[in-house]
């Protein structure tokens, strides 16, 4: 999380809306450990990573929806999910993400 703070601070100064996605748990093998974070601004710009690239595209879509809805949610990607194969998560485990809008 600390490695994305400078960029997020710049987005804040520019008045951008931002959503933060964090890995909160994994089951089995996961590409990133709990605590890994990714930020997405309203323009679709991304900083950080929650999966080393294998589900980031799907997370961006969720984050953009959260920015517009101001909602927050848990999102899970797992090896046995059809969605996981579609987005590229083939590490054999499951990752649980919490995605929320960043309120300044």
PDB file of N, CA and C in Angstrom:
ATOM      1  N   UNK A   1       0.823  -1.185   0.000  1.00  0.00           N
ATOM      2  CA  UNK A   1       0.000   0.000   0.000  1.00  0.00           C
ATOM      3  C   UNK A   1       0.868   1.250   0.000  1.00  0.00           C
ATOM      4  N   UNK A   2       1.943   1.227   0.763  1.00  0.00           N
ATOM      5  CA  UNK A   2       2.798   2.409   0.862  1.00  0.00           C
ATOM      6  C   UNK A   2       3.390   2.821  -0.484  1.00  0.00           C
ATOM      7  N   UNK A   3       3.642   1.837  -1.348  1.00  0.00           N
ATOM      8  CA  UNK A   3       4.278   2.142  -2.632  1.00  0.00           C
ATOM      9  C   UNK A   3       3.358   2.861  -3.612  1.00  0.00           C
ATOM     10  N   UNK A   4       2.059   2.930  -3.327  1.00  0.00           N
ATOM     11  CA  UNK A   4       1.148   3.628  -4.231  1.00  0.00           C
ATOM     12  C   UNK A   4       0.706   4.988  -3.697  1.00  0.00           C
ATOM     13  N   UNK A   5       1.082   5.327  -2.467  1.00  0.00           N
ATOM     14  CA  UNK A   5       0.578   6.541  -1.829  1.00  0.00           C
ATOM     15  C   UNK A   5       0.965   7.830  -2.541  1.00  0.00           C
ATOM     16  N   UNK A   6       2.185   7.928  -3.049  1.00  0.00           N
ATOM     17  CA  UNK A   6       2.598   9.159  -3.724  1.00  0.00           C
ATOM     18  C   UNK A   6       1.748   9.427  -4.961  1.00  0.00           C
ATOM     19  N   UNK A   7       1.518   8.393  -5.751  1.00  0.00           N
ATOM     20  CA  UNK A   7       0.699   8.550  -6.957  1.00  0.00           C
ATOM     21  C   UNK A   7      -0.737   8.895  -6.601  1.00  0.00           C
ATOM     22  N   UNK A   8      -1.287   8.232  -5.594  1.00  0.00           N
ATOM     23  CA  UNK A   8      -2.652   8.514  -5.161  1.00  0.00           C
ATOM     24  C   UNK A   8      -2.751   9.950  -4.646  1.00  0.00           C
ATOM     25  N   UNK A   9      -1.746  10.418  -3.943  1.00  0.00           N
ATOM     26  CA  UNK A   9      -1.728  11.808  -3.461  1.00  0.00           C
ATOM     27  C   UNK A   9      -1.759  12.787  -4.637  1.00  0.00           C
ATOM     28  N   UNK A  10      -1.055  12.466  -5.716  1.00  0.00           N
ATOM     29  CA  UNK A  10      -1.077  13.301  -6.915  1.00  0.00           C
ATOM     30  C   UNK A  10      -2.457  13.326  -7.547  1.00  0.00           C
ATOM     31  N   UNK A  11      -3.118  12.160  -7.593  1.00  0.00           N
ATOM     32  CA  UNK A  11      -4.479  12.118  -8.112  1.00  0.00           C
ATOM     33  C   UNK A  11      -5.406  12.961  -7.247  1.00  0.00           C
ATOM     34  N   UNK A  12      -5.196  12.892  -5.945  1.00  0.00           N
ATOM     35  CA  UNK A  12      -6.029  13.675  -5.019  1.00  0.00           C
ATOM     36  C   UNK A  12      -5.882  15.166  -5.305  1.00  0.00           C
ATOM     37  N   UNK A  13      -4.647  15.614  -5.461  1.00  0.00           N
ATOM     38  CA  UNK A  13      -4.405  17.026  -5.745  1.00  0.00           C
ATOM     39  C   UNK A  13      -5.053  17.454  -7.051  1.00  0.00           C
ATOM     40  N   UNK A  14      -5.157  16.532  -7.998  1.00  0.00           N
ATOM     41  CA  UNK A  14      -5.783  16.820  -9.290  1.00  0.00           C
ATOM     42  C   UNK A  14      -7.315  16.700  -9.231  1.00  0.00           C
ATOM     43  N   UNK A  15      -7.857  16.320  -8.076  1.00  0.00           N
ATOM     44  CA  UNK A  15      -9.304  16.211  -7.917  1.00  0.00           C
ATOM     45  C   UNK A  15      -9.912  14.951  -8.494  1.00  0.00           C
ATOM     46  N   UNK A  16      -9.090  13.932  -8.720  1.00  0.00           N
ATOM     47  CA  UNK A  16      -9.572  12.675  -9.310  1.00  0.00           C
ATOM     48  C   UNK A  16     -10.299  11.822  -8.270  1.00  0.00           C
ATOM     49  N   UNK A  17     -11.341  11.126  -8.707  1.00  0.00           N
ATOM     50  CA  UNK A  17     -11.983  10.118  -7.872  1.00  0.00           C
ATOM     51  C   UNK A  17     -11.177   8.831  -8.000  1.00  0.00           C
ATOM     52  N   UNK A  18     -11.059   8.113  -6.883  1.00  0.00           N
ATOM     53  CA  UNK A  18     -10.180   6.938  -6.823  1.00  0.00           C
ATOM     54  C   UNK A  18     -10.866   5.810  -6.060  1.00  0.00           C
ATOM     55  N   UNK A  19     -10.619   4.578  -6.505  1.00  0.00           N
ATOM     56  CA  UNK A  19     -11.012   3.389  -5.753  1.00  0.00           C
ATOM     57  C   UNK A  19      -9.741   2.618  -5.406  1.00  0.00           C
ATOM     58  N   UNK A  20      -9.763   2.017  -4.229  1.00  0.00           N
ATOM     59  CA  UNK A  20      -8.634   1.217  -3.747  1.00  0.00           C
ATOM     60  C   UNK A  20      -9.080  -0.239  -3.649  1.00  0.00           C
ATOM     61  N   UNK A  21      -8.288  -1.142  -4.221  1.00  0.00           N
ATOM     62  CA  UNK A  21      -8.524  -2.583  -4.108  1.00  0.00           C
ATOM     63  C   UNK A  21      -7.397  -3.166  -3.269  1.00  0.00           C
ATOM     64  N   UNK A  22      -7.766  -3.964  -2.271  1.00  0.00           N
ATOM     65  CA  UNK A  22      -6.757  -4.596  -1.418  1.00  0.00           C
ATOM     66  C   UNK A  22      -7.001  -6.092  -1.323  1.00  0.00           C
ATOM     67  N   UNK A  23      -5.924  -6.853  -1.362  1.00  0.00           N
ATOM     68  CA  UNK A  23      -6.020  -8.290  -1.097  1.00  0.00           C
ATOM     69  C   UNK A  23      -6.241  -8.438   0.406  1.00  0.00           C
ATOM     70  N   UNK A  24      -7.354  -9.072   0.780  1.00  0.00           N
ATOM     71  CA  UNK A  24      -7.633  -9.255   2.201  1.00  0.00           C
ATOM     72  C   UNK A  24      -7.449 -10.701   2.652  1.00  0.00           C
ATOM     73  N   UNK A  25      -7.439 -11.629   1.686  1.00  0.00           N
ATOM     74  CA  UNK A  25      -7.241 -13.030   2.051  1.00  0.00           C
ATOM     75  C   UNK A  25      -6.943 -13.829   0.787  1.00  0.00           C
ATOM     76  N   UNK A  26      -6.302 -14.965   0.967  1.00  0.00           N
ATOM     77  CA  UNK A  26      -6.092 -15.905  -0.130  1.00  0.00           C
ATOM     78  C   UNK A  26      -6.395 -17.305   0.381  1.00  0.00           C
ATOM     79  N   UNK A  27      -6.829 -18.158  -0.505  1.00  0.00           N
ATOM     80  CA  UNK A  27      -7.004 -19.573  -0.209  1.00  0.00           C
ATOM     81  C   UNK A  27      -6.118 -20.318  -1.191  1.00  0.00           C
ATOM     82  N   UNK A  28      -5.247 -21.159  -0.687  1.00  0.00           N
ATOM     83  CA  UNK A  28      -4.320 -21.855  -1.564  1.00  0.00           C
ATOM     84  C   UNK A  28      -3.261 -20.899  -2.074  1.00  0.00           C
ATOM     85  N   UNK A  29      -2.785 -21.175  -3.264  1.00  0.00           N
ATOM     86  CA  UNK A  29      -1.738 -20.369  -3.871  1.00  0.00           C
ATOM     87  C   UNK A  29      -2.335 -19.097  -4.449  1.00  0.00           C
ATOM     88  N   UNK A  30      -1.752 -17.958  -4.089  1.00  0.00           N
ATOM     89  CA  UNK A  30      -2.203 -16.679  -4.633  1.00  0.00           C
ATOM     90  C   UNK A  30      -1.014 -15.906  -5.158  1.00  0.00           C
ATOM     91  N   UNK A  31      -1.232 -15.080  -6.161  1.00  0.00           N
ATOM     92  CA  UNK A  31      -0.123 -14.337  -6.750  1.00  0.00           C
ATOM     93  C   UNK A  31       0.432 -13.231  -5.858  1.00  0.00           C
ATOM     94  N   UNK A  32      -0.381 -12.669  -4.971  1.00  0.00           N
ATOM     95  CA  UNK A  32       0.061 -11.605  -4.062  1.00  0.00           C
ATOM     96  C   UNK A  32      -0.480 -11.890  -2.674  1.00  0.00           C
ATOM     97  N   UNK A  33       0.245 -11.451  -1.668  1.00  0.00           N
ATOM     98  CA  UNK A  33      -0.134 -11.671  -0.274  1.00  0.00           C
ATOM     99  C   UNK A  33      -1.179 -10.650   0.183  1.00  0.00           C
ATOM    100  N   UNK A  34      -1.941 -10.972   1.244  1.00  0.00           N
ATOM    101  CA  UNK A  34      -2.838  -9.974   1.820  1.00  0.00           C
ATOM    102  C   UNK A  34      -2.072  -8.685   2.140  1.00  0.00           C
ATOM    103  N   UNK A  35      -2.724  -7.576   1.860  1.00  0.00           N
ATOM    104  CA  UNK A  35      -2.093  -6.272   2.027  1.00  0.00           C
ATOM    105  C   UNK A  35      -1.690  -5.646   0.705  1.00  0.00           C
ATOM    106  N   UNK A  36      -1.515  -6.460  -0.328  1.00  0.00           N
ATOM    107  CA  UNK A  36      -1.189  -5.902  -1.642  1.00  0.00           C
ATOM    108  C   UNK A  36      -2.334  -5.001  -2.073  1.00  0.00           C
ATOM    109  N   UNK A  37      -1.996  -3.879  -2.695  1.00  0.00           N
ATOM    110  CA  UNK A  37      -3.031  -2.902  -3.040  1.00  0.00           C
ATOM    111  C   UNK A  37      -2.841  -2.357  -4.441  1.00  0.00           C
ATOM    112  N   UNK A  38      -3.951  -1.872  -4.973  1.00  0.00           N
ATOM    113  CA  UNK A  38      -3.985  -1.279  -6.298  1.00  0.00           C
ATOM    114  C   UNK A  38      -4.981  -0.123  -6.242  1.00  0.00           C
ATOM    115  N   UNK A  39      -4.642   0.979  -6.880  1.00  0.00           N
ATOM    116  CA  UNK A  39      -5.553   2.116  -6.956  1.00  0.00           C
ATOM    117  C   UNK A  39      -5.904   2.359  -8.416  1.00  0.00           C
ATOM    118  N   UNK A  40      -7.152   2.765  -8.631  1.00  0.00           N
ATOM    119  CA  UNK A  40      -7.651   3.067  -9.973  1.00  0.00           C
ATOM    120  C   UNK A  40      -8.338   4.420  -9.901  1.00  0.00           C
ATOM    121  N   UNK A  41      -7.992   5.325 -10.818  1.00  0.00           N
ATOM    122  CA  UNK A  41      -8.696   6.604 -10.810  1.00  0.00           C
ATOM    123  C   UNK A  41      -9.819   6.597 -11.842  1.00  0.00           C
ATOM    124  N   UNK A  42     -10.615   7.649 -11.851  1.00  0.00           N
ATOM    125  CA  UNK A  42     -11.794   7.735 -12.713  1.00  0.00           C
ATOM    126  C   UNK A  42     -11.474   7.656 -14.200  1.00  0.00           C
ATOM    127  N   UNK A  43     -10.219   7.936 -14.563  1.00  0.00           N
ATOM    128  CA  UNK A  43      -9.797   7.845 -15.955  1.00  0.00           C
ATOM    129  C   UNK A  43      -9.294   6.452 -16.334  1.00  0.00           C
ATOM    130  N   UNK A  44      -9.314   5.518 -15.372  1.00  0.00           N
ATOM    131  CA  UNK A  44      -8.843   4.160 -15.626  1.00  0.00           C
ATOM    132  C   UNK A  44      -7.349   3.982 -15.451  1.00  0.00           C
ATOM    133  N   UNK A  45      -6.663   5.019 -14.943  1.00  0.00           N
ATOM    134  CA  UNK A  45      -5.231   4.872 -14.666  1.00  0.00           C
ATOM    135  C   UNK A  45      -5.060   3.989 -13.434  1.00  0.00           C
ATOM    136  N   UNK A  46      -4.000   3.184 -13.423  1.00  0.00           N
ATOM    137  CA  UNK A  46      -3.786   2.188 -12.379  1.00  0.00           C
ATOM    138  C   UNK A  46      -2.398   2.332 -11.791  1.00  0.00           C
ATOM    139  N   UNK A  47      -2.314   2.154 -10.484  1.00  0.00           N
ATOM    140  CA  UNK A  47      -1.016   2.065  -9.799  1.00  0.00           C
ATOM    141  C   UNK A  47      -1.107   0.906  -8.806  1.00  0.00           C
ATOM    142  N   UNK A  48      -0.050   0.127  -8.707  1.00  0.00           N
ATOM    143  CA  UNK A  48      -0.026  -1.020  -7.801  1.00  0.00           C
ATOM    144  C   UNK A  48      -0.530  -2.278  -8.481  1.00  0.00           C
ATOM    145  N   UNK A  49      -0.631  -3.354  -7.691  1.00  0.00           N
ATOM    146  CA  UNK A  49      -1.040  -4.645  -8.232  1.00  0.00           C
ATOM    147  C   UNK A  49      -1.627  -5.512  -7.129  1.00  0.00           C
ATOM    148  N   UNK A  50      -2.681  -6.249  -7.470  1.00  0.00           N
ATOM    149  CA  UNK A  50      -3.262  -7.188  -6.518  1.00  0.00           C
ATOM    150  C   UNK A  50      -3.050  -8.630  -6.944  1.00  0.00           C
ATOM    151  N   UNK A  51      -2.532  -8.820  -8.168  1.00  0.00           N
ATOM    152  CA  UNK A  51      -2.376 -10.202  -8.628  1.00  0.00           C
ATOM    153  C   UNK A  51      -1.201 -10.400  -9.565  1.00  0.00           C
ATOM    154  N   UNK A  52      -0.325  -9.438  -9.661  1.00  0.00           N
ATOM    155  CA  UNK A  52       0.793  -9.592 -10.565  1.00  0.00           C
ATOM    156  C   UNK A  52       0.368  -9.544 -12.025  1.00  0.00           C
ATOM    157  N   UNK A  53      -0.823  -9.038 -12.300  1.00  0.00           N
ATOM    158  CA  UNK A  53      -1.278  -8.860 -13.670  1.00  0.00           C
ATOM    159  C   UNK A  53      -2.379  -9.785 -14.126  1.00  0.00           C
ATOM    160  N   UNK A  54      -2.651 -10.879 -13.408  1.00  0.00           N
ATOM    161  CA  UNK A  54      -3.592 -11.858 -13.959  1.00  0.00           C
ATOM    162  C   UNK A  54      -5.061 -11.481 -13.812  1.00  0.00           C
ATOM    163  N   UNK A  55      -5.449 -10.648 -12.855  1.00  0.00           N
ATOM    164  CA  UNK A  55      -6.863 -10.243 -12.761  1.00  0.00           C
ATOM    165  C   UNK A  55      -7.036  -8.722 -12.757  1.00  0.00           C
ATOM    166  N   UNK A  56      -5.972  -7.996 -13.003  1.00  0.00           N
ATOM    167  CA  UNK A  56      -6.044  -6.540 -12.923  1.00  0.00           C
ATOM    168  C   UNK A  56      -7.118  -5.931 -13.818  1.00  0.00           C
ATOM    169  N   UNK A  57      -7.286  -6.432 -15.031  1.00  0.00           N
ATOM    170  CA  UNK A  57      -8.303  -5.883 -15.928  1.00  0.00           C
ATOM    171  C   UNK A  57      -9.696  -5.976 -15.332  1.00  0.00           C
ATOM    172  N   UNK A  58     -10.024  -7.114 -14.747  1.00  0.00           N
ATOM    173  CA  UNK A  58     -11.337  -7.286 -14.113  1.00  0.00           C
ATOM    174  C   UNK A  58     -11.462  -6.397 -12.885  1.00  0.00           C
ATOM    175  N   UNK A  59     -10.376  -6.209 -12.147  1.00  0.00           N
ATOM    176  CA  UNK A  59     -10.395  -5.349 -10.965  1.00  0.00           C
ATOM    177  C   UNK A  59     -10.611  -3.892 -11.377  1.00  0.00           C
ATOM    178  N   UNK A  60     -10.005  -3.469 -12.479  1.00  0.00           N
ATOM    179  CA  UNK A  60     -10.226  -2.103 -12.978  1.00  0.00           C
ATOM    180  C   UNK A  60     -11.702  -1.897 -13.275  1.00  0.00           C
ATOM    181  N   UNK A  61     -12.344  -2.852 -13.929  1.00  0.00           N
ATOM    182  CA  UNK A  61     -13.772  -2.735 -14.224  1.00  0.00           C
ATOM    183  C   UNK A  61     -14.586  -2.594 -12.948  1.00  0.00           C
ATOM    184  N   UNK A  62     -14.286  -3.423 -11.949  1.00  0.00           N
ATOM    185  CA  UNK A  62     -14.986  -3.337 -10.660  1.00  0.00           C
ATOM    186  C   UNK A  62     -14.736  -1.976 -10.011  1.00  0.00           C
ATOM    187  N   UNK A  63     -13.493  -1.516 -10.033  1.00  0.00           N
ATOM    188  CA  UNK A  63     -13.140  -0.243  -9.400  1.00  0.00           C
ATOM    189  C   UNK A  63     -13.854   0.928 -10.071  1.00  0.00           C
ATOM    190  N   UNK A  64     -13.928   0.921 -11.391  1.00  0.00           N
ATOM    191  CA  UNK A  64     -14.626   1.995 -12.090  1.00  0.00           C
ATOM    192  C   UNK A  64     -16.115   2.004 -11.744  1.00  0.00           C
ATOM    193  N   UNK A  65     -16.707   0.825 -11.605  1.00  0.00           N
ATOM    194  CA  UNK A  65     -18.101   0.736 -11.184  1.00  0.00           C
ATOM    195  C   UNK A  65     -18.269   1.292  -9.768  1.00  0.00           C
ATOM    196  N   UNK A  66     -17.329   0.986  -8.908  1.00  0.00           N
ATOM    197  CA  UNK A  66     -17.384   1.467  -7.525  1.00  0.00           C
ATOM    198  C   UNK A  66     -17.212   2.981  -7.468  1.00  0.00           C
ATOM    199  N   UNK A  67     -16.356   3.515  -8.313  1.00  0.00           N
ATOM    200  CA  UNK A  67     -16.195   4.978  -8.352  1.00  0.00           C
ATOM    201  C   UNK A  67     -17.522   5.641  -8.708  1.00  0.00           C
ATOM    202  N   UNK A  68     -18.220   5.094  -9.693  1.00  0.00           N
ATOM    203  CA  UNK A  68     -19.474   5.728 -10.113  1.00  0.00           C
ATOM    204  C   UNK A  68     -20.626   5.454  -9.139  1.00  0.00           C
ATOM    205  N   UNK A  69     -20.653   4.292  -8.508  1.00  0.00           N
ATOM    206  CA  UNK A  69     -21.753   3.944  -7.602  1.00  0.00           C
ATOM    207  C   UNK A  69     -21.503   4.374  -6.164  1.00  0.00           C
ATOM    208  N   UNK A  70     -20.231   4.636  -5.823  1.00  0.00           N
ATOM    209  CA  UNK A  70     -19.819   4.970  -4.449  1.00  0.00           C
ATOM    210  C   UNK A  70     -20.107   3.811  -3.499  1.00  0.00           C
ATOM    211  N   UNK A  71     -20.199   2.618  -4.041  1.00  0.00           N
ATOM    212  CA  UNK A  71     -20.440   1.405  -3.279  1.00  0.00           C
ATOM    213  C   UNK A  71     -19.095   0.848  -2.824  1.00  0.00           C
ATOM    214  N   UNK A  72     -19.100  -0.209  -2.091  1.00  0.00           N
ATOM    215  CA  UNK A  72     -17.895  -0.969  -1.734  1.00  0.00           C
ATOM    216  C   UNK A  72     -18.285  -2.435  -1.720  1.00  0.00           C
ATOM    217  N   UNK A  73     -17.304  -3.299  -2.022  1.00  0.00           N
ATOM    218  CA  UNK A  73     -17.665  -4.719  -2.066  1.00  0.00           C
ATOM    219  C   UNK A  73     -16.437  -5.620  -1.963  1.00  0.00           C
ATOM    220  N   UNK A  74     -16.736  -6.865  -1.599  1.00  0.00           N
ATOM    221  CA  UNK A  74     -15.752  -7.938  -1.655  1.00  0.00           C
ATOM    222  C   UNK A  74     -15.883  -8.587  -3.028  1.00  0.00           C
ATOM    223  N   UNK A  75     -14.744  -8.910  -3.622  1.00  0.00           N
ATOM    224  CA  UNK A  75     -14.713  -9.579  -4.916  1.00  0.00           C
ATOM    225  C   UNK A  75     -13.755 -10.751  -4.783  1.00  0.00           C
ATOM    226  N   UNK A  76     -14.145 -11.892  -5.309  1.00  0.00           N
ATOM    227  CA  UNK A  76     -13.323 -13.093  -5.212  1.00  0.00           C
ATOM    228  C   UNK A  76     -13.031 -13.637  -6.599  1.00  0.00           C
ATOM    229  N   UNK A  77     -11.775 -14.007  -6.818  1.00  0.00           N
ATOM    230  CA  UNK A  77     -11.369 -14.686  -8.035  1.00  0.00           C
ATOM    231  C   UNK A  77     -10.709 -15.982  -7.608  1.00  0.00           C
ATOM    232  N   UNK A  78     -11.184 -17.099  -8.178  1.00  0.00           N
ATOM    233  CA  UNK A  78     -10.628 -18.385  -7.798  1.00  0.00           C
ATOM    234  C   UNK A  78     -10.344 -19.266  -8.986  1.00  0.00           C
ATOM    235  N   UNK A  79      -9.464 -20.210  -8.772  1.00  0.00           N
ATOM    236  CA  UNK A  79      -9.014 -21.130  -9.819  1.00  0.00           C
ATOM    237  C   UNK A  79     -10.168 -21.875 -10.471  1.00  0.00           C
ATOM    238  N   UNK A  80     -11.194 -22.210  -9.682  1.00  0.00           N
ATOM    239  CA  UNK A  80     -12.293 -23.004 -10.232  1.00  0.00           C
ATOM    240  C   UNK A  80     -13.361 -22.153 -10.911  1.00  0.00           C
ATOM    241  N   UNK A  81     -13.263 -20.830 -10.785  1.00  0.00           N
ATOM    242  CA  UNK A  81     -14.252 -19.950 -11.402  1.00  0.00           C
ATOM    243  C   UNK A  81     -13.987 -19.795 -12.893  1.00  0.00           C
ATOM    244  N   UNK A  82     -15.054 -19.827 -13.691  1.00  0.00           N
ATOM    245  CA  UNK A  82     -14.917 -19.551 -15.117  1.00  0.00           C
ATOM    246  C   UNK A  82     -14.318 -18.165 -15.317  1.00  0.00           C
ATOM    247  N   UNK A  83     -14.732 -17.208 -14.485  1.00  0.00           N
ATOM    248  CA  UNK A  83     -14.221 -15.842 -14.565  1.00  0.00           C
ATOM    249  C   UNK A  83     -12.705 -15.829 -14.348  1.00  0.00           C
ATOM    250  N   UNK A  84     -12.222 -16.654 -13.437  1.00  0.00           N
ATOM    251  CA  UNK A  84     -10.787 -16.686 -13.168  1.00  0.00           C
ATOM    252  C   UNK A  84     -10.006 -17.089 -14.414  1.00  0.00           C
ATOM    253  N   UNK A  85     -10.486 -18.101 -15.127  1.00  0.00           N
ATOM    254  CA  UNK A  85      -9.821 -18.491 -16.369  1.00  0.00           C
ATOM    255  C   UNK A  85      -9.895 -17.374 -17.403  1.00  0.00           C
ATOM    256  N   UNK A  86     -11.048 -16.729 -17.460  1.00  0.00           N
ATOM    257  CA  UNK A  86     -11.237 -15.664 -18.455  1.00  0.00           C
ATOM    258  C   UNK A  86     -10.271 -14.513 -18.219  1.00  0.00           C
ATOM    259  N   UNK A  87      -9.994 -14.188 -16.951  1.00  0.00           N
ATOM    260  CA  UNK A  87      -9.104 -13.065 -16.661  1.00  0.00           C
ATOM    261  C   UNK A  87      -7.663 -13.506 -16.460  1.00  0.00           C
ATOM    262  N   UNK A  88      -7.408 -14.812 -16.401  1.00  0.00           N
ATOM    263  CA  UNK A  88      -6.035 -15.282 -16.365  1.00  0.00           C
ATOM    264  C   UNK A  88      -5.514 -15.782 -15.039  1.00  0.00           C
ATOM    265  N   UNK A  89      -6.379 -15.987 -14.039  1.00  0.00           N
ATOM    266  CA  UNK A  89      -5.926 -16.479 -12.735  1.00  0.00           C
ATOM    267  C   UNK A  89      -5.847 -17.993 -12.787  1.00  0.00           C
ATOM    268  N   UNK A  90      -4.651 -18.502 -12.987  1.00  0.00           N
ATOM    269  CA  UNK A  90      -4.488 -19.946 -13.109  1.00  0.00           C
ATOM    270  C   UNK A  90      -3.479 -20.470 -12.081  1.00  0.00           C
ATOM    271  N   UNK A  91      -3.271 -19.727 -10.986  1.00  0.00           N
ATOM    272  CA  UNK A  91      -2.257 -20.109 -10.000  1.00  0.00           C
ATOM    273  C   UNK A  91      -2.732 -21.229  -9.083  1.00  0.00           C
ATOM    274  N   UNK A  92      -3.996 -21.598  -9.164  1.00  0.00           N
ATOM    275  CA  UNK A  92      -4.493 -22.705  -8.352  1.00  0.00           C
ATOM    276  C   UNK A  92      -5.144 -22.279  -7.062  1.00  0.00           C
ATOM    277  N   UNK A  93      -5.182 -21.016  -6.755  1.00  0.00           N
ATOM    278  CA  UNK A  93      -5.773 -20.548  -5.511  1.00  0.00           C
ATOM    279  C   UNK A  93      -6.904 -19.572  -5.750  1.00  0.00           C
ATOM    280  N   UNK A  94      -7.297 -18.931  -4.667  1.00  0.00           N
ATOM    281  CA  UNK A  94      -8.372 -17.949  -4.686  1.00  0.00           C
ATOM    282  C   UNK A  94      -7.889 -16.687  -3.995  1.00  0.00           C
ATOM    283  N   UNK A  95      -8.208 -15.526  -4.567  1.00  0.00           N
ATOM    284  CA  UNK A  95      -7.884 -14.269  -3.898  1.00  0.00           C
ATOM    285  C   UNK A  95      -9.182 -13.515  -3.601  1.00  0.00           C
ATOM    286  N   UNK A  96      -9.219 -12.913  -2.417  1.00  0.00           N
ATOM    287  CA  UNK A  96     -10.368 -12.137  -1.969  1.00  0.00           C
ATOM    288  C   UNK A  96      -9.922 -10.682  -1.876  1.00  0.00           C
ATOM    289  N   UNK A  97     -10.648  -9.815  -2.580  1.00  0.00           N
ATOM    290  CA  UNK A  97     -10.313  -8.397  -2.611  1.00  0.00           C
ATOM    291  C   UNK A  97     -11.432  -7.582  -1.984  1.00  0.00           C
ATOM    292  N   UNK A  98     -11.055  -6.506  -1.299  1.00  0.00           N
ATOM    293  CA  UNK A  98     -12.017  -5.524  -0.835  1.00  0.00           C
ATOM    294  C   UNK A  98     -11.747  -4.262  -1.647  1.00  0.00           C
ATOM    295  N   UNK A  99     -12.787  -3.785  -2.319  1.00  0.00           N
ATOM    296  CA  UNK A  99     -12.633  -2.599  -3.180  1.00  0.00           C
ATOM    297  C   UNK A  99     -13.576  -1.530  -2.660  1.00  0.00           C
ATOM    298  N   UNK A 100     -13.048  -0.323  -2.462  1.00  0.00           N
ATOM    299  CA  UNK A 100     -13.857   0.762  -1.934  1.00  0.00           C
ATOM    300  C   UNK A 100     -13.431   2.087  -2.555  1.00  0.00           C
ATOM    301  N   UNK A 101     -14.364   3.048  -2.597  1.00  0.00           N
ATOM    302  CA  UNK A 101     -13.974   4.383  -3.078  1.00  0.00           C
ATOM    303  C   UNK A 101     -13.101   5.037  -2.006  1.00  0.00           C
ATOM    304  N   UNK A 102     -12.165   5.817  -2.466  1.00  0.00           N
ATOM    305  CA  UNK A 102     -11.309   6.548  -1.529  1.00  0.00           C
ATOM    306  C   UNK A 102     -11.950   7.893  -1.281  1.00  0.00           C
ATOM    307  N   UNK A 103     -12.382   8.114  -0.055  1.00  0.00           N
ATOM    308  CA  UNK A 103     -12.996   9.384   0.309  1.00  0.00           C
ATOM    309  C   UNK A 103     -11.926  10.309   0.849  1.00  0.00           C
ATOM    310  N   UNK A 104     -11.801  11.460   0.225  1.00  0.00           N
ATOM    311  CA  UNK A 104     -10.784  12.401   0.642  1.00  0.00           C
ATOM    312  C   UNK A 104     -11.174  13.046   1.946  1.00  0.00           C
TER     313      UNK A 104
END
